[in-house]
Amino acid sequence: MSELTIASESFEIVIADEIKVKGRVKSVVDGLHKPAVVVAHGFRGTQDWGFWPEVLERLAQSGYYAISFNYSRIAVQEEGIDEQRVAEASTISQDLKDIGAVINHLKQGLLPLSNEVNAENIAFLGHSRSGGSGIIYASEHPTNIQNLIVWNGGASPISASTDPNLSPIQLAVALDKEANENRFNVTDQFIDLKQPVLIVQGDSDSERLLSFVAKLKELAPHQSYVSIPEANHTFGVAHPYEGATEHLRIALEETISFLDIHLKTK
């Protein structure tokens, strides 16, 4: 598979006025309908940050129709739209709209290289905050997501909206969380998931995330969990990217192995 040519094409989805999701598809072009894997960056990242281009390439080499995208807040920031619009685009609710737009376009055959994908067989891989957003989306749309992978994520630190020191973005995120308290209860959403899930967690990440994953293991022991010794929140990767670390290689190998078992065999 690695000797085959990987095609790469970009796409753009208009969500609303001035709100766009920009993304990329990579796939071997051989006419075979491949399972799709949608990968999503964290709150401070982009689809071009650090390891994401290599992750997309590796998934395509491994026989998957691989999709990355920038959340719409990235386009709003890049286009210099006012700070309030950036704040409104930075909420978890907007993340879920963006994920839904990408998945819907995928299922409707509107993404590039659509002849190469089985759009009924989809996995979502989310890092950091996207792990939590992925859990919520998969719980609310169980027929759209067949497998879920979370890298160092799931539990987002969100301040109370009454904190006087919040930035406009932090305030928008806090108000959104408070308005959706039950919907955004990631632990409860996770417990209810029927899809196979893989949690990959570096054991040198924040105590908040380590405690969150420990709770998930206790409440949902039937799901799959991988702990990577001494790995931090980004698996030792920084930007600009200087190549895969051993921790990233482990995360990728565990992820592809999980997908090969649970997604590719369907």
C-alpha atoms as a PDB file:
ATOM      1  CA  MET A   1       0.000   0.000   0.000  1.00  0.00           C
ATOM      2  CA  SER A   2       2.803   2.450   0.837  1.00  0.00           C
ATOM      3  CA  GLU A   3       4.128   2.261  -2.761  1.00  0.00           C
ATOM      4  CA  LEU A   4       0.842   3.490  -4.193  1.00  0.00           C
ATOM      5  CA  THR A   5       0.320   7.155  -4.991  1.00  0.00           C
ATOM      6  CA  ILE A   6      -1.665   9.086  -2.412  1.00  0.00           C
ATOM      7  CA  ALA A   7      -4.012  11.701  -3.878  1.00  0.00           C
ATOM      8  CA  SER A   8      -4.683  14.854  -1.858  1.00  0.00           C
ATOM      9  CA  GLU A   9      -7.510  17.313  -2.524  1.00  0.00           C
ATOM     10  CA  SER A  10      -8.858  20.262  -0.550  1.00  0.00           C
ATOM     11  CA  PHE A  11     -12.462  21.226   0.138  1.00  0.00           C
ATOM     12  CA  GLU A  12     -14.443  24.092   1.633  1.00  0.00           C
ATOM     13  CA  ILE A  13     -17.880  23.974   3.268  1.00  0.00           C
ATOM     14  CA  VAL A  14     -19.849  27.152   3.923  1.00  0.00           C
ATOM     15  CA  ILE A  15     -21.607  26.827   7.281  1.00  0.00           C
ATOM     16  CA  ALA A  16     -23.090  30.345   7.448  1.00  0.00           C
ATOM     17  CA  ASP A  17     -22.111  33.903   6.554  1.00  0.00           C
ATOM     18  CA  GLU A  18     -18.339  34.209   7.059  1.00  0.00           C
ATOM     19  CA  ILE A  19     -18.277  30.742   8.679  1.00  0.00           C
ATOM     20  CA  LYS A  20     -16.411  28.114   6.659  1.00  0.00           C
ATOM     21  CA  VAL A  21     -14.851  24.737   7.268  1.00  0.00           C
ATOM     22  CA  LYS A  22     -11.759  24.093   5.163  1.00  0.00           C
ATOM     23  CA  GLY A  23     -10.352  20.608   4.909  1.00  0.00           C
ATOM     24  CA  ARG A  24      -8.370  18.023   3.028  1.00  0.00           C
ATOM     25  CA  VAL A  25      -8.893  14.458   1.818  1.00  0.00           C
ATOM     26  CA  LYS A  26      -6.118  11.939   1.245  1.00  0.00           C
ATOM     27  CA  SER A  27      -6.648   8.520  -0.290  1.00  0.00           C
ATOM     28  CA  VAL A  28      -5.098   5.933  -2.525  1.00  0.00           C
ATOM     29  CA  VAL A  29      -6.926   6.158  -5.862  1.00  0.00           C
ATOM     30  CA  ASP A  30      -7.661   2.561  -6.818  1.00  0.00           C
ATOM     31  CA  GLY A  31     -11.449   2.479  -7.132  1.00  0.00           C
ATOM     32  CA  LEU A  32     -11.903   0.534  -3.896  1.00  0.00           C
ATOM     33  CA  HIS A  33     -14.414   1.859  -1.385  1.00  0.00           C
ATOM     34  CA  LYS A  34     -12.416   2.480   1.769  1.00  0.00           C
ATOM     35  CA  PRO A  35     -13.566   3.175   5.327  1.00  0.00           C
ATOM     36  CA  ALA A  36     -13.378   6.867   6.196  1.00  0.00           C
ATOM     37  CA  VAL A  37     -11.453   8.348   9.111  1.00  0.00           C
ATOM     38  CA  VAL A  38     -12.164  11.962  10.053  1.00  0.00           C
ATOM     39  CA  VAL A  39      -9.394  13.509  12.178  1.00  0.00           C
ATOM     40  CA  ALA A  40      -9.916  16.675  14.212  1.00  0.00           C
ATOM     41  CA  HIS A  41      -7.374  18.995  15.840  1.00  0.00           C
ATOM     42  CA  GLY A  42      -7.541  20.405  19.352  1.00  0.00           C
ATOM     43  CA  PHE A  43      -8.633  23.834  20.515  1.00  0.00           C
ATOM     44  CA  ARG A  44      -5.263  25.502  19.886  1.00  0.00           C
ATOM     45  CA  GLY A  45      -4.353  23.512  16.787  1.00  0.00           C
ATOM     46  CA  THR A  46      -5.094  23.420  13.067  1.00  0.00           C
ATOM     47  CA  GLN A  47      -5.126  20.630  10.502  1.00  0.00           C
ATOM     48  CA  ASP A  48      -1.568  21.639   9.542  1.00  0.00           C
ATOM     49  CA  TRP A  49      -0.219  21.711  13.091  1.00  0.00           C
ATOM     50  CA  GLY A  50       2.590  19.356  14.021  1.00  0.00           C
ATOM     51  CA  PHE A  51       1.730  15.722  13.455  1.00  0.00           C
ATOM     52  CA  TRP A  52      -1.594  16.054  11.607  1.00  0.00           C
ATOM     53  CA  PRO A  53      -0.277  15.979   8.004  1.00  0.00           C
ATOM     54  CA  GLU A  54       1.689  12.812   8.800  1.00  0.00           C
ATOM     55  CA  VAL A  55      -1.288  11.245  10.583  1.00  0.00           C
ATOM     56  CA  LEU A  56      -3.440  11.869   7.503  1.00  0.00           C
ATOM     57  CA  GLU A  57      -0.756  10.417   5.217  1.00  0.00           C
ATOM     58  CA  ARG A  58      -0.326   7.310   7.386  1.00  0.00           C
ATOM     59  CA  LEU A  59      -4.056   6.651   7.469  1.00  0.00           C
ATOM     60  CA  ALA A  60      -4.261   6.937   3.680  1.00  0.00           C
ATOM     61  CA  GLN A  61      -1.278   4.605   3.276  1.00  0.00           C
ATOM     62  CA  SER A  62      -3.023   2.131   5.569  1.00  0.00           C
ATOM     63  CA  GLY A  63      -6.050   1.880   3.302  1.00  0.00           C
ATOM     64  CA  TYR A  64      -8.339   4.571   4.686  1.00  0.00           C
ATOM     65  CA  TYR A  65     -10.063   7.546   3.108  1.00  0.00           C
ATOM     66  CA  ALA A  66      -8.583  10.144   5.445  1.00  0.00           C
ATOM     67  CA  ILE A  67     -10.143  13.547   6.116  1.00  0.00           C
ATOM     68  CA  SER A  68      -8.783  16.469   8.124  1.00  0.00           C
ATOM     69  CA  PHE A  69     -10.358  19.875   8.573  1.00  0.00           C
ATOM     70  CA  ASN A  70      -9.992  23.195  10.322  1.00  0.00           C
ATOM     71  CA  TYR A  71     -12.828  24.130  12.624  1.00  0.00           C
ATOM     72  CA  SER A  72     -14.654  27.203  11.349  1.00  0.00           C
ATOM     73  CA  ARG A  73     -13.097  29.383  14.056  1.00  0.00           C
ATOM     74  CA  ILE A  74      -9.782  29.074  12.175  1.00  0.00           C
ATOM     75  CA  ALA A  75     -11.259  30.586   8.997  1.00  0.00           C
ATOM     76  CA  VAL A  76     -12.892  33.358  11.031  1.00  0.00           C
ATOM     77  CA  GLN A  77      -9.538  34.177  12.632  1.00  0.00           C
ATOM     78  CA  GLU A  78      -7.653  34.026   9.322  1.00  0.00           C
ATOM     79  CA  GLU A  79     -10.107  36.357   7.610  1.00  0.00           C
ATOM     80  CA  GLY A  80      -9.741  38.992  10.332  1.00  0.00           C
ATOM     81  CA  ILE A  81     -13.393  39.022  11.339  1.00  0.00           C
ATOM     82  CA  ASP A  82     -14.192  40.816  14.600  1.00  0.00           C
ATOM     83  CA  GLU A  83     -13.344  39.266  17.951  1.00  0.00           C
ATOM     84  CA  GLN A  84     -16.976  38.608  18.879  1.00  0.00           C
ATOM     85  CA  ARG A  85     -17.496  36.445  15.768  1.00  0.00           C
ATOM     86  CA  VAL A  86     -14.303  34.569  16.606  1.00  0.00           C
ATOM     87  CA  ALA A  87     -15.650  33.976  20.113  1.00  0.00           C
ATOM     88  CA  GLU A  88     -19.002  32.726  18.806  1.00  0.00           C
ATOM     89  CA  ALA A  89     -17.208  30.329  16.452  1.00  0.00           C
ATOM     90  CA  SER A  90     -15.071  28.926  19.280  1.00  0.00           C
ATOM     91  CA  THR A  91     -17.797  27.127  21.243  1.00  0.00           C
ATOM     92  CA  ILE A  92     -18.358  23.398  21.548  1.00  0.00           C
ATOM     93  CA  SER A  93     -21.769  23.904  19.924  1.00  0.00           C
ATOM     94  CA  GLN A  94     -20.023  25.301  16.842  1.00  0.00           C
ATOM     95  CA  ASP A  95     -17.543  22.409  16.896  1.00  0.00           C
ATOM     96  CA  LEU A  96     -20.477  20.002  16.710  1.00  0.00           C
ATOM     97  CA  LYS A  97     -22.003  21.920  13.792  1.00  0.00           C
ATOM     98  CA  ASP A  98     -18.661  21.806  11.978  1.00  0.00           C
ATOM     99  CA  ILE A  99     -18.245  18.065  12.574  1.00  0.00           C
ATOM    100  CA  GLY A 100     -21.805  17.500  11.398  1.00  0.00           C
ATOM    101  CA  ALA A 101     -21.193  19.484   8.213  1.00  0.00           C
ATOM    102  CA  VAL A 102     -18.108  17.415   7.351  1.00  0.00           C
ATOM    103  CA  ILE A 103     -19.858  14.103   8.080  1.00  0.00           C
ATOM    104  CA  ASN A 104     -22.972  15.103   6.119  1.00  0.00           C
ATOM    105  CA  HIS A 105     -20.916  16.155   3.098  1.00  0.00           C
ATOM    106  CA  LEU A 106     -19.018  12.873   3.323  1.00  0.00           C
ATOM    107  CA  LYS A 107     -22.203  10.796   3.442  1.00  0.00           C
ATOM    108  CA  GLN A 108     -23.750  12.763   0.569  1.00  0.00           C
ATOM    109  CA  GLY A 109     -20.722  12.179  -1.670  1.00  0.00           C
ATOM    110  CA  LEU A 110     -19.835  15.877  -1.745  1.00  0.00           C
ATOM    111  CA  LEU A 111     -16.200  15.605  -0.629  1.00  0.00           C
ATOM    112  CA  PRO A 112     -13.300  15.120  -3.079  1.00  0.00           C
ATOM    113  CA  LEU A 113     -12.348  11.612  -4.241  1.00  0.00           C
ATOM    114  CA  SER A 114     -15.810  10.381  -3.257  1.00  0.00           C
ATOM    115  CA  ASN A 115     -15.507   7.323  -5.522  1.00  0.00           C
ATOM    116  CA  GLU A 116     -12.862   6.009  -3.122  1.00  0.00           C
ATOM    117  CA  VAL A 117     -14.953   5.888   0.065  1.00  0.00           C
ATOM    118  CA  ASN A 118     -17.515   3.719   1.792  1.00  0.00           C
ATOM    119  CA  ALA A 119     -19.417   6.556   3.432  1.00  0.00           C
ATOM    120  CA  GLU A 120     -21.403   4.164   5.618  1.00  0.00           C
ATOM    121  CA  ASN A 121     -18.260   3.152   7.500  1.00  0.00           C
ATOM    122  CA  ILE A 122     -16.815   6.136   9.373  1.00  0.00           C
ATOM    123  CA  ALA A 123     -14.455   6.631  12.305  1.00  0.00           C
ATOM    124  CA  PHE A 124     -13.734   9.893  14.095  1.00  0.00           C
ATOM    125  CA  LEU A 125     -10.352  10.649  15.692  1.00  0.00           C
ATOM    126  CA  GLY A 126     -10.261  13.683  17.972  1.00  0.00           C
ATOM    127  CA  HIS A 127      -7.346  15.149  19.895  1.00  0.00           C
ATOM    128  CA  SER A 128      -7.732  17.190  23.080  1.00  0.00           C
ATOM    129  CA  ARG A 129     -11.032  19.135  23.066  1.00  0.00           C
ATOM    130  CA  SER A 130     -12.036  17.355  19.856  1.00  0.00           C
ATOM    131  CA  GLY A 131     -12.035  14.109  21.797  1.00  0.00           C
ATOM    132  CA  GLY A 132     -14.903  15.418  23.901  1.00  0.00           C
ATOM    133  CA  SER A 133     -16.692  16.878  20.888  1.00  0.00           C
ATOM    134  CA  GLY A 134     -16.323  13.532  19.134  1.00  0.00           C
ATOM    135  CA  ILE A 135     -17.853  11.697  22.092  1.00  0.00           C
ATOM    136  CA  ILE A 136     -20.849  14.050  22.104  1.00  0.00           C
ATOM    137  CA  TYR A 137     -21.330  13.819  18.331  1.00  0.00           C
ATOM    138  CA  ALA A 138     -21.018  10.014  18.278  1.00  0.00           C
ATOM    139  CA  SER A 139     -23.545   9.733  21.107  1.00  0.00           C
ATOM    140  CA  GLU A 140     -26.033  12.008  19.360  1.00  0.00           C
ATOM    141  CA  HIS A 141     -25.491  10.483  15.897  1.00  0.00           C
ATOM    142  CA  PRO A 142     -24.760   6.783  16.502  1.00  0.00           C
ATOM    143  CA  THR A 143     -25.476   5.749  12.906  1.00  0.00           C
ATOM    144  CA  ASN A 144     -23.011   8.317  11.525  1.00  0.00           C
ATOM    145  CA  ILE A 145     -19.953   7.215  13.519  1.00  0.00           C
ATOM    146  CA  GLN A 146     -19.033   3.524  13.656  1.00  0.00           C
ATOM    147  CA  ASN A 147     -15.792   3.898  15.645  1.00  0.00           C
ATOM    148  CA  LEU A 148     -14.335   6.624  17.843  1.00  0.00           C
ATOM    149  CA  ILE A 149     -10.723   7.322  18.837  1.00  0.00           C
ATOM    150  CA  VAL A 150      -9.757   9.916  21.453  1.00  0.00           C
ATOM    151  CA  TRP A 151      -6.156  11.105  21.773  1.00  0.00           C
ATOM    152  CA  ASN A 152      -5.391  12.835  25.089  1.00  0.00           C
ATOM    153  CA  GLY A 153      -8.798  14.402  25.371  1.00  0.00           C
ATOM    154  CA  GLY A 154     -12.407  14.306  26.383  1.00  0.00           C
ATOM    155  CA  ALA A 155     -12.473  16.624  29.399  1.00  0.00           C
ATOM    156  CA  SER A 156     -12.124  20.319  28.590  1.00  0.00           C
ATOM    157  CA  PRO A 157     -11.176  22.880  31.266  1.00  0.00           C
ATOM    158  CA  ILE A 158     -13.945  25.488  31.201  1.00  0.00           C
ATOM    159  CA  SER A 159     -14.136  28.437  33.592  1.00  0.00           C
ATOM    160  CA  ALA A 160     -17.352  29.758  35.127  1.00  0.00           C
ATOM    161  CA  SER A 161     -18.949  32.576  33.145  1.00  0.00           C
ATOM    162  CA  THR A 162     -18.924  34.710  36.309  1.00  0.00           C
ATOM    163  CA  ASP A 163     -15.115  34.925  36.251  1.00  0.00           C
ATOM    164  CA  PRO A 164     -14.390  38.619  35.551  1.00  0.00           C
ATOM    165  CA  ASN A 165     -11.043  37.858  33.927  1.00  0.00           C
ATOM    166  CA  LEU A 166     -12.355  35.794  31.018  1.00  0.00           C
ATOM    167  CA  SER A 167     -11.485  36.754  27.457  1.00  0.00           C
ATOM    168  CA  PRO A 168     -14.384  37.017  24.960  1.00  0.00           C
ATOM    169  CA  ILE A 169     -13.572  33.520  23.686  1.00  0.00           C
ATOM    170  CA  GLN A 170     -13.426  32.034  27.181  1.00  0.00           C
ATOM    171  CA  LEU A 171     -16.713  33.712  28.088  1.00  0.00           C
ATOM    172  CA  ALA A 172     -18.455  32.417  24.958  1.00  0.00           C
ATOM    173  CA  VAL A 173     -17.215  28.882  25.660  1.00  0.00           C
ATOM    174  CA  ALA A 174     -18.303  29.093  29.311  1.00  0.00           C
ATOM    175  CA  LEU A 175     -21.790  30.375  28.487  1.00  0.00           C
ATOM    176  CA  ASP A 176     -22.203  27.677  25.846  1.00  0.00           C
ATOM    177  CA  LYS A 177     -21.203  24.997  28.341  1.00  0.00           C
ATOM    178  CA  GLU A 178     -23.596  26.313  30.986  1.00  0.00           C
ATOM    179  CA  ALA A 179     -26.461  26.422  28.472  1.00  0.00           C
ATOM    180  CA  ASN A 180     -25.815  22.783  27.493  1.00  0.00           C
ATOM    181  CA  GLU A 181     -24.884  21.230  30.838  1.00  0.00           C
ATOM    182  CA  ASN A 182     -26.565  17.861  30.240  1.00  0.00           C
ATOM    183  CA  ARG A 183     -25.727  17.658  26.549  1.00  0.00           C
ATOM    184  CA  PHE A 184     -22.046  18.340  27.208  1.00  0.00           C
ATOM    185  CA  ASN A 185     -21.726  15.830  30.066  1.00  0.00           C
ATOM    186  CA  VAL A 186     -19.034  13.874  28.259  1.00  0.00           C
ATOM    187  CA  THR A 187     -18.802  11.133  30.883  1.00  0.00           C
ATOM    188  CA  ASP A 188     -22.500  10.270  30.627  1.00  0.00           C
ATOM    189  CA  GLN A 189     -22.376  10.450  26.832  1.00  0.00           C
ATOM    190  CA  PHE A 190     -19.362   8.131  26.782  1.00  0.00           C
ATOM    191  CA  ILE A 191     -20.978   5.509  29.001  1.00  0.00           C
ATOM    192  CA  ASP A 192     -23.949   5.318  26.628  1.00  0.00           C
ATOM    193  CA  LEU A 193     -21.862   4.786  23.474  1.00  0.00           C
ATOM    194  CA  LYS A 194     -22.546   1.517  21.660  1.00  0.00           C
ATOM    195  CA  GLN A 195     -19.723   2.009  19.154  1.00  0.00           C
ATOM    196  CA  PRO A 196     -16.235   0.622  19.833  1.00  0.00           C
ATOM    197  CA  VAL A 197     -14.019   3.360  21.283  1.00  0.00           C
ATOM    198  CA  LEU A 198     -10.248   3.612  21.723  1.00  0.00           C
ATOM    199  CA  ILE A 199      -8.820   6.050  24.276  1.00  0.00           C
ATOM    200  CA  VAL A 200      -5.092   6.749  23.829  1.00  0.00           C
ATOM    201  CA  GLN A 201      -3.712   8.681  26.782  1.00  0.00           C
ATOM    202  CA  GLY A 202      -0.183   9.797  27.607  1.00  0.00           C
ATOM    203  CA  ASP A 203       0.511   9.189  31.276  1.00  0.00           C
ATOM    204  CA  SER A 204       2.481  12.463  31.603  1.00  0.00           C
ATOM    205  CA  ASP A 205      -0.504  14.545  30.510  1.00  0.00           C
ATOM    206  CA  SER A 206      -2.508  16.729  32.911  1.00  0.00           C
ATOM    207  CA  GLU A 207      -3.928  15.201  36.075  1.00  0.00           C
ATOM    208  CA  ARG A 208      -7.362  16.369  34.958  1.00  0.00           C
ATOM    209  CA  LEU A 209      -7.245  14.170  31.859  1.00  0.00           C
ATOM    210  CA  LEU A 210      -5.649  11.236  33.671  1.00  0.00           C
ATOM    211  CA  SER A 211      -8.430  11.310  36.273  1.00  0.00           C
ATOM    212  CA  PHE A 212     -11.047  11.590  33.529  1.00  0.00           C
ATOM    213  CA  VAL A 213      -9.735   8.530  31.684  1.00  0.00           C
ATOM    214  CA  ALA A 214      -9.456   6.554  34.929  1.00  0.00           C
ATOM    215  CA  LYS A 215     -13.138   7.279  35.561  1.00  0.00           C
ATOM    216  CA  LEU A 216     -14.073   6.183  32.039  1.00  0.00           C
ATOM    217  CA  LYS A 217     -12.196   2.897  32.494  1.00  0.00           C
ATOM    218  CA  GLU A 218     -14.115   2.266  35.693  1.00  0.00           C
ATOM    219  CA  LEU A 219     -17.523   3.084  34.198  1.00  0.00           C
ATOM    220  CA  ALA A 220     -17.010   1.597  30.709  1.00  0.00           C
ATOM    221  CA  PRO A 221     -14.459  -1.227  31.051  1.00  0.00           C
ATOM    222  CA  HIS A 222     -15.623  -2.834  27.799  1.00  0.00           C
ATOM    223  CA  GLN A 223     -14.032  -0.057  25.731  1.00  0.00           C
ATOM    224  CA  SER A 224     -10.343  -0.023  24.720  1.00  0.00           C
ATOM    225  CA  TYR A 225      -7.712   2.007  26.576  1.00  0.00           C
ATOM    226  CA  VAL A 226      -4.028   2.517  25.839  1.00  0.00           C
ATOM    227  CA  SER A 227      -1.686   4.351  28.211  1.00  0.00           C
ATOM    228  CA  ILE A 228       1.620   5.560  26.754  1.00  0.00           C
ATOM    229  CA  PRO A 229       4.337   5.849  29.425  1.00  0.00           C
ATOM    230  CA  GLU A 230       5.954   9.305  29.747  1.00  0.00           C
ATOM    231  CA  ALA A 231       3.912  10.722  26.836  1.00  0.00           C
ATOM    232  CA  ASN A 232       2.672  14.299  27.172  1.00  0.00           C
ATOM    233  CA  HIS A 233      -0.385  16.010  25.676  1.00  0.00           C
ATOM    234  CA  THR A 234       1.079  16.149  22.152  1.00  0.00           C
ATOM    235  CA  PHE A 235       3.059  12.874  22.321  1.00  0.00           C
ATOM    236  CA  GLY A 236       6.275  14.912  22.458  1.00  0.00           C
ATOM    237  CA  VAL A 237       5.563  16.660  19.157  1.00  0.00           C
ATOM    238  CA  ALA A 238       5.946  20.416  18.658  1.00  0.00           C
ATOM    239  CA  HIS A 239       5.388  22.790  15.754  1.00  0.00           C
ATOM    240  CA  PRO A 240       7.142  23.182  13.338  1.00  0.00           C
ATOM    241  CA  TYR A 241       7.092  19.415  12.934  1.00  0.00           C
ATOM    242  CA  GLU A 242      10.436  17.626  13.111  1.00  0.00           C
ATOM    243  CA  GLY A 243       9.232  14.071  12.611  1.00  0.00           C
ATOM    244  CA  ALA A 244       7.394  11.416  14.572  1.00  0.00           C
ATOM    245  CA  THR A 245       8.370  10.721  18.159  1.00  0.00           C
ATOM    246  CA  GLU A 246       8.258   7.239  19.635  1.00  0.00           C
ATOM    247  CA  HIS A 247       5.135   8.241  21.564  1.00  0.00           C
ATOM    248  CA  LEU A 248       3.393   9.374  18.368  1.00  0.00           C
ATOM    249  CA  ARG A 249       4.405   6.160  16.607  1.00  0.00           C
ATOM    250  CA  ILE A 250       2.803   4.140  19.394  1.00  0.00           C
ATOM    251  CA  ALA A 251      -0.385   6.227  19.229  1.00  0.00           C
ATOM    252  CA  LEU A 252      -0.591   5.770  15.459  1.00  0.00           C
ATOM    253  CA  GLU A 253       0.135   2.044  15.570  1.00  0.00           C
ATOM    254  CA  GLU A 254      -2.487   1.456  18.259  1.00  0.00           C
ATOM    255  CA  THR A 255      -5.000   3.562  16.336  1.00  0.00           C
ATOM    256  CA  ILE A 256      -4.469   1.827  13.003  1.00  0.00           C
ATOM    257  CA  SER A 257      -4.560  -1.600  14.646  1.00  0.00           C
ATOM    258  CA  PHE A 258      -7.865  -0.695  16.329  1.00  0.00           C
ATOM    259  CA  LEU A 259      -9.315   0.574  13.045  1.00  0.00           C
ATOM    260  CA  ASP A 260      -8.148  -2.497  11.139  1.00  0.00           C
ATOM    261  CA  ILE A 261     -10.034  -4.695  13.600  1.00  0.00           C
ATOM    262  CA  HIS A 262     -13.196  -2.669  14.117  1.00  0.00           C
ATOM    263  CA  LEU A 263     -13.658  -0.598  10.940  1.00  0.00           C
ATOM    264  CA  LYS A 264     -11.897  -2.255   8.029  1.00  0.00           C
ATOM    265  CA  THR A 265     -13.460  -5.670   8.696  1.00  0.00           C
ATOM    266  CA  LYS A 266     -17.048  -4.370   8.423  1.00  0.00           C
END
